[in-house]
């Protein structure tokens, strides 16, 4: 995909995310890999009102070389890309149900959500929790990078999901699947629940290996 089309796709995805309430105000950010760098949504931008001509352009070293100043969380994106050379895009949201899960106590920080549906297993897999760090803390980038080595999706504690994919559509699909599974998990609290078995999960992972 050429750069102009990718700029427009980021805007279209942002508008879709915003219109469906998966982000609000000036929260959330999106990035996509180019042959020689990255495109990122600008800092303080509303994903429902992005301008393709003002998209932030970063070079292969992560330096800002064009467009508006990049999201202040650009270091999170770069940390993930550094560990996942096959990832072509990243979606970071503050979506309500995912954030709610990120603040619940007594969940397994190595795998926060149970295998409720086949598509969660196929598109997300295991969901680790990244410990809380203040926005802009260099330790957050380090923690995200360490987590991204083995996982393409994660939840930042008291913050929200970071999801990478081979393409922008793949990253968005996985982020939406995560949010829907978080919503189902919260709805099922207090109810007797039948999750997928270990054997069913293993079969799905063998049949649909994640390449994000």
Foldseek 3Di string as FASTA:
>chain_A
DDLLVVLVVQLVVLLVCVVVQQADQQWKKKKFDDPFFIWIAAARDRSNDGDSQQIFTAGNVRHTDDHHHHHLVVLLVVLLCVQAVLFGMKIWTQGDLQLVQLADPDADQFARAFQADLVLLQQFNGEHEQEDDPRPDPVSSVSSNVVSNPGQWYAYRNGTIMHTASGPVSRSVNRVSSSVRSVVVVVCPPHDGDHDDPVRSVVSCVVRPGND
